[in-house]
Protein backbone atom coordinates (compact mmCIF):
# COMPACT_ATOMS: atom_id res chain seq x y z
CA MET A 1 171.50 69.15 -149.64
CA ARG A 2 168.58 68.22 -147.74
CA SER A 3 168.67 65.80 -144.66
CA ASP A 4 167.74 62.97 -146.89
CA GLY A 5 170.86 63.41 -149.21
CA VAL A 6 169.37 64.76 -152.01
CA VAL A 7 170.82 67.77 -153.60
CA HIS A 8 168.01 70.50 -154.91
CA PRO A 9 168.39 71.52 -158.46
CA ALA A 10 169.02 74.80 -157.30
CA TRP A 11 172.43 73.71 -155.38
CA GLN A 12 173.02 71.46 -158.30
CA GLU A 13 173.47 74.76 -160.63
CA LEU A 14 175.51 76.75 -158.31
CA GLY A 15 177.95 73.73 -158.05
CA ASP A 16 178.05 73.81 -161.62
CA LEU A 17 179.77 77.36 -161.44
CA VAL A 18 182.13 75.53 -159.29
CA VAL A 19 182.85 72.12 -160.68
CA PRO A 20 182.30 71.92 -164.12
CA ARG A 21 180.20 69.03 -165.08
CA ALA A 22 180.94 65.66 -167.57
CA CYS A 23 179.13 64.92 -170.50
CA GLY A 24 175.58 63.76 -169.97
CA GLY A 25 176.17 61.32 -172.46
CA CYS A 26 179.12 59.57 -172.48
CA GLY A 27 180.92 61.21 -169.38
CA ALA A 28 183.69 63.20 -171.15
CA PRO A 29 184.94 66.25 -169.05
CA GLY A 30 184.43 69.88 -169.95
CA HIS A 31 181.15 69.34 -171.49
CA ARG A 32 177.44 69.24 -170.68
CA TRP A 33 176.87 67.62 -173.87
CA CYS A 34 180.29 66.90 -175.86
CA PRO A 35 180.42 66.87 -179.92
CA GLY A 36 180.48 63.15 -180.19
CA CYS A 37 177.15 62.75 -178.02
CA THR A 38 175.76 65.62 -180.57
CA ASP A 39 176.51 63.85 -183.45
CA GLU A 40 175.30 60.17 -182.19
CA LEU A 41 171.92 62.53 -180.89
CA ALA A 42 171.44 63.50 -184.26
CA ALA A 43 171.38 60.63 -185.92
CA ALA A 44 169.06 59.17 -183.52
CA VAL A 45 166.35 61.58 -183.72
CA HIS A 46 163.79 61.43 -186.49
CA PRO A 47 161.75 64.74 -186.52
CA GLY A 48 158.31 64.41 -186.80
CA CYS A 49 157.62 60.73 -186.35
CA VAL A 50 154.51 59.56 -185.81
CA VAL A 51 154.43 56.54 -183.62
CA GLY A 52 151.11 55.96 -184.38
CA HIS A 53 148.25 55.72 -181.71
CA LEU A 54 149.31 54.80 -178.13
CA GLY A 55 146.18 55.10 -175.50
CA GLY A 56 144.04 56.61 -178.64
CA VAL A 57 146.05 59.23 -179.11
CA PRO A 58 148.56 60.26 -182.05
CA VAL A 59 151.49 60.34 -180.62
CA TRP A 60 154.80 62.23 -182.25
CA ALA A 61 158.31 61.64 -180.91
CA GLY A 62 162.02 62.49 -181.20
CA GLY A 63 163.59 59.16 -181.97
CA ASP A 64 163.85 55.88 -180.01
CA TYR A 65 164.50 55.38 -176.36
CA ARG A 66 168.18 54.08 -177.07
CA GLY A 67 171.51 55.23 -176.94
CA ALA A 68 172.60 58.74 -176.24
CA LEU A 69 168.98 59.56 -176.36
CA ARG A 70 168.08 57.63 -173.69
CA ALA A 71 171.42 59.00 -171.58
CA LEU A 72 170.24 62.24 -172.17
CA VAL A 73 166.26 61.40 -170.92
CA ARG A 74 167.83 59.70 -168.04
CA GLY A 75 170.18 62.09 -166.99
CA TYR A 76 168.18 64.94 -167.16
CA LYS A 77 164.81 63.06 -165.10
CA ASP A 78 166.65 60.70 -163.01
CA GLY A 79 170.12 61.72 -163.04
CA GLY A 80 169.38 65.32 -161.45
CA ARG A 81 171.16 66.87 -164.50
CA ARG A 82 168.80 69.76 -165.43
CA ASP A 83 171.90 71.39 -166.86
CA LEU A 84 170.65 69.28 -170.10
CA ARG A 85 167.36 70.52 -170.53
CA PRO A 86 168.13 73.16 -173.60
CA VAL A 87 169.50 69.87 -175.22
CA LEU A 88 166.16 67.76 -174.15
CA ALA A 89 163.81 70.24 -175.27
CA GLN A 90 165.79 71.19 -178.86
CA VAL A 91 164.78 67.06 -179.02
CA ALA A 92 161.06 67.95 -178.33
CA VAL A 93 160.88 70.90 -181.25
CA ASP A 94 160.58 69.35 -184.28
CA PRO A 95 157.79 66.92 -183.23
CA LEU A 96 155.90 69.32 -181.11
CA ARG A 97 155.99 71.75 -184.31
CA ALA A 98 154.84 68.40 -186.22
CA ALA A 99 151.91 67.54 -184.02
CA LEU A 100 151.02 71.26 -183.97
CA ALA A 101 150.59 71.39 -187.67
CA ALA A 102 148.33 68.64 -187.61
CA VAL A 103 145.87 69.18 -185.11
CA THR A 104 146.08 72.66 -186.53
CA ALA A 105 144.78 71.37 -189.98
CA GLU A 106 142.27 68.99 -188.08
CA GLY A 107 140.86 72.10 -186.56
CA GLY A 108 140.49 74.08 -189.98
CA GLY A 109 142.36 76.85 -189.06
CA PRO A 110 145.39 78.75 -187.52
CA ALA A 111 146.77 77.98 -183.94
CA GLY A 112 145.98 81.55 -183.26
CA GLU A 113 142.11 81.17 -183.71
CA ARG A 114 141.87 77.71 -182.49
CA PRO A 115 143.90 77.83 -179.06
CA VAL A 116 146.55 75.13 -179.03
CA LEU A 117 147.53 74.21 -175.15
CA VAL A 118 150.85 72.09 -174.63
CA VAL A 119 149.46 69.70 -171.31
CA PRO A 120 152.28 68.63 -168.80
CA ALA A 121 152.12 64.69 -168.16
CA PRO A 122 151.53 65.00 -164.22
CA SER A 123 154.08 63.79 -161.86
CA ARG A 124 153.11 62.07 -158.59
CA ALA A 125 153.41 64.62 -155.76
CA ARG A 126 155.54 62.01 -154.08
CA THR A 127 158.08 62.11 -156.94
CA ARG A 128 157.64 66.26 -157.16
CA ARG A 129 159.22 66.46 -153.57
CA ALA A 130 161.65 64.04 -154.01
CA ARG A 131 162.91 65.67 -156.94
CA GLY A 132 162.48 69.38 -155.66
CA ASP A 133 161.04 70.32 -159.04
CA ASP A 134 158.56 68.99 -161.98
CA PRO A 135 161.44 68.31 -164.66
CA VAL A 136 158.81 67.31 -167.31
CA SER A 137 156.71 70.45 -166.58
CA ASP A 138 159.99 72.52 -166.99
CA LEU A 139 160.59 70.48 -170.49
CA ALA A 140 157.75 71.77 -171.88
CA ARG A 141 158.20 75.24 -171.40
CA ALA A 142 161.77 75.17 -172.75
CA ALA A 143 160.40 73.54 -175.91
CA VAL A 144 157.21 75.60 -176.32
CA ALA A 145 159.78 78.94 -176.03
CA ARG A 146 162.17 76.95 -178.99
CA LEU A 147 159.05 76.90 -180.94
CA GLY A 148 158.28 80.65 -180.87
CA ASP A 149 154.87 80.31 -181.52
CA GLU A 150 152.93 82.95 -179.53
CA GLY A 151 149.48 81.39 -180.05
CA VAL A 152 150.98 77.94 -178.21
CA GLN A 153 150.85 78.19 -174.35
CA VAL A 154 151.79 75.70 -171.67
CA ARG A 155 149.19 74.89 -169.00
CA LEU A 156 149.44 72.66 -166.17
CA VAL A 157 146.34 71.46 -166.49
CA LEU A 158 146.17 67.80 -165.07
CA ARG A 159 147.32 66.40 -161.73
CA THR A 160 147.68 62.57 -160.08
CA ARG A 161 145.30 61.32 -157.60
CA GLY A 162 145.71 59.05 -154.86
CA VAL A 163 148.37 56.53 -154.92
CA ALA A 164 149.77 54.90 -157.95
CA ARG A 165 152.53 52.78 -158.03
CA ASP A 166 155.71 53.84 -159.47
CA GLN A 167 155.21 52.63 -163.56
CA SER A 168 158.82 51.20 -164.13
CA GLY A 169 158.63 47.41 -164.34
CA LEU A 170 155.03 47.18 -165.07
CA SER A 171 153.43 45.26 -168.19
CA ARG A 172 150.88 47.31 -170.33
CA THR A 173 148.05 45.77 -168.29
CA GLU A 174 149.45 46.67 -165.08
CA ARG A 175 150.07 50.04 -166.36
CA ARG A 176 146.51 50.83 -167.44
CA ARG A 177 145.01 49.33 -164.23
CA ASN A 178 147.99 51.35 -162.17
CA LEU A 179 146.65 54.56 -163.53
CA ALA A 180 143.07 54.02 -163.68
CA GLY A 181 141.11 56.71 -162.44
CA ARG A 182 144.33 58.44 -161.24
CA VAL A 183 144.81 61.63 -163.44
CA GLY A 184 142.34 64.19 -163.19
CA VAL A 185 142.05 67.93 -163.89
CA ARG A 186 143.24 70.37 -161.46
CA ASP A 187 140.76 72.26 -159.39
CA GLY A 188 139.32 75.33 -160.47
CA VAL A 189 141.26 74.89 -164.23
CA THR A 190 138.76 75.85 -167.45
CA LEU A 191 140.05 75.06 -170.86
CA PRO A 192 139.25 77.62 -173.87
CA ARG A 193 136.30 76.63 -176.32
CA GLY A 194 137.61 74.84 -179.49
CA ALA A 195 141.18 74.21 -177.99
CA ALA A 196 143.48 71.67 -179.08
CA VAL A 197 145.54 69.77 -176.36
CA LEU A 198 148.82 68.22 -177.15
CA LEU A 199 150.17 66.41 -174.18
CA LEU A 200 153.91 66.24 -173.76
CA ASP A 201 156.14 63.69 -171.69
CA ASP A 202 159.80 63.02 -171.76
CA VAL A 203 159.10 58.69 -172.74
CA VAL A 204 156.32 57.13 -174.23
CA THR A 205 156.34 53.46 -173.36
CA THR A 206 152.68 51.67 -173.44
CA GLY A 207 150.57 54.41 -173.55
CA ALA A 208 148.72 53.82 -170.38
CA THR A 209 149.79 57.55 -168.97
CA LEU A 210 148.58 59.04 -172.47
CA ALA A 211 145.54 57.42 -171.87
CA ALA A 212 144.72 58.37 -168.90
CA CYS A 213 145.41 61.72 -169.81
CA ARG A 214 142.92 61.66 -172.42
CA ASP A 215 140.41 60.51 -170.36
CA ALA A 216 140.79 63.31 -168.01
CA LEU A 217 140.54 65.83 -170.57
CA ARG A 218 137.80 64.50 -172.33
CA GLN A 219 135.70 65.16 -169.11
CA THR A 220 136.08 68.88 -169.92
CA GLY A 221 134.86 68.71 -173.72
CA VAL A 222 138.48 68.85 -175.40
CA HIS A 223 138.70 66.08 -178.25
CA ARG A 224 141.30 67.19 -180.32
CA ILE A 225 144.13 65.65 -178.07
CA GLY A 226 147.33 64.67 -179.36
CA ALA A 227 150.98 63.32 -177.68
CA VAL A 228 154.34 64.25 -177.98
CA CYS A 229 157.41 62.65 -176.34
CA CYS A 230 161.07 63.00 -176.59
CA ALA A 231 161.79 59.13 -176.79
CA ARG A 232 159.68 55.89 -177.24
CA VAL A 233 160.31 52.68 -176.16
CA PRO A 234 160.21 50.60 -179.40
């Protein structure tokens, strides 16, 4: 445990070996994710759902941000429940597969011929330090591993720059202003010629983050851009 009272994820995982956790959805003892919440999650997820265009980017979402899916996302990202990663990664697999099929068809060839990169939405440096890890990047790796397609790679391409406010509670307009010019490409990163990029995030609300990521990617010459999220705020 750090001096600020925040438990590092590695220590949390070690502690779980001694004291099993309650269900991340309903709190039932003895389950990481109980059968009841599994059934509720299965009913809430609509694989391959195309939300539409947010921030000028086509978005595929696992489901709506409510009920068991909301509890899963919040528990994993903000509740320190990194043991829920396999469950949340599975939610991302079907929309990821649908998005991959779409960008591959757009490119006129299989993914192996036209590289497809899954790029996690960047987190603020201060947020990463507070959490001790980068849950969205780890989620992207877990989801792509389950996809089982060697032609799809996770690349850490984007970073935040400057100091942006926390997006929670901001309106659509405020979110866009808050992120304007705040997302850029990491130093030294180059992308393969003709690559398609699928942005990945846990939740999509207004599309402000996607728009900022899209603008940064277009400066590198990438124009085939889609997005995948586990949940969308309806």
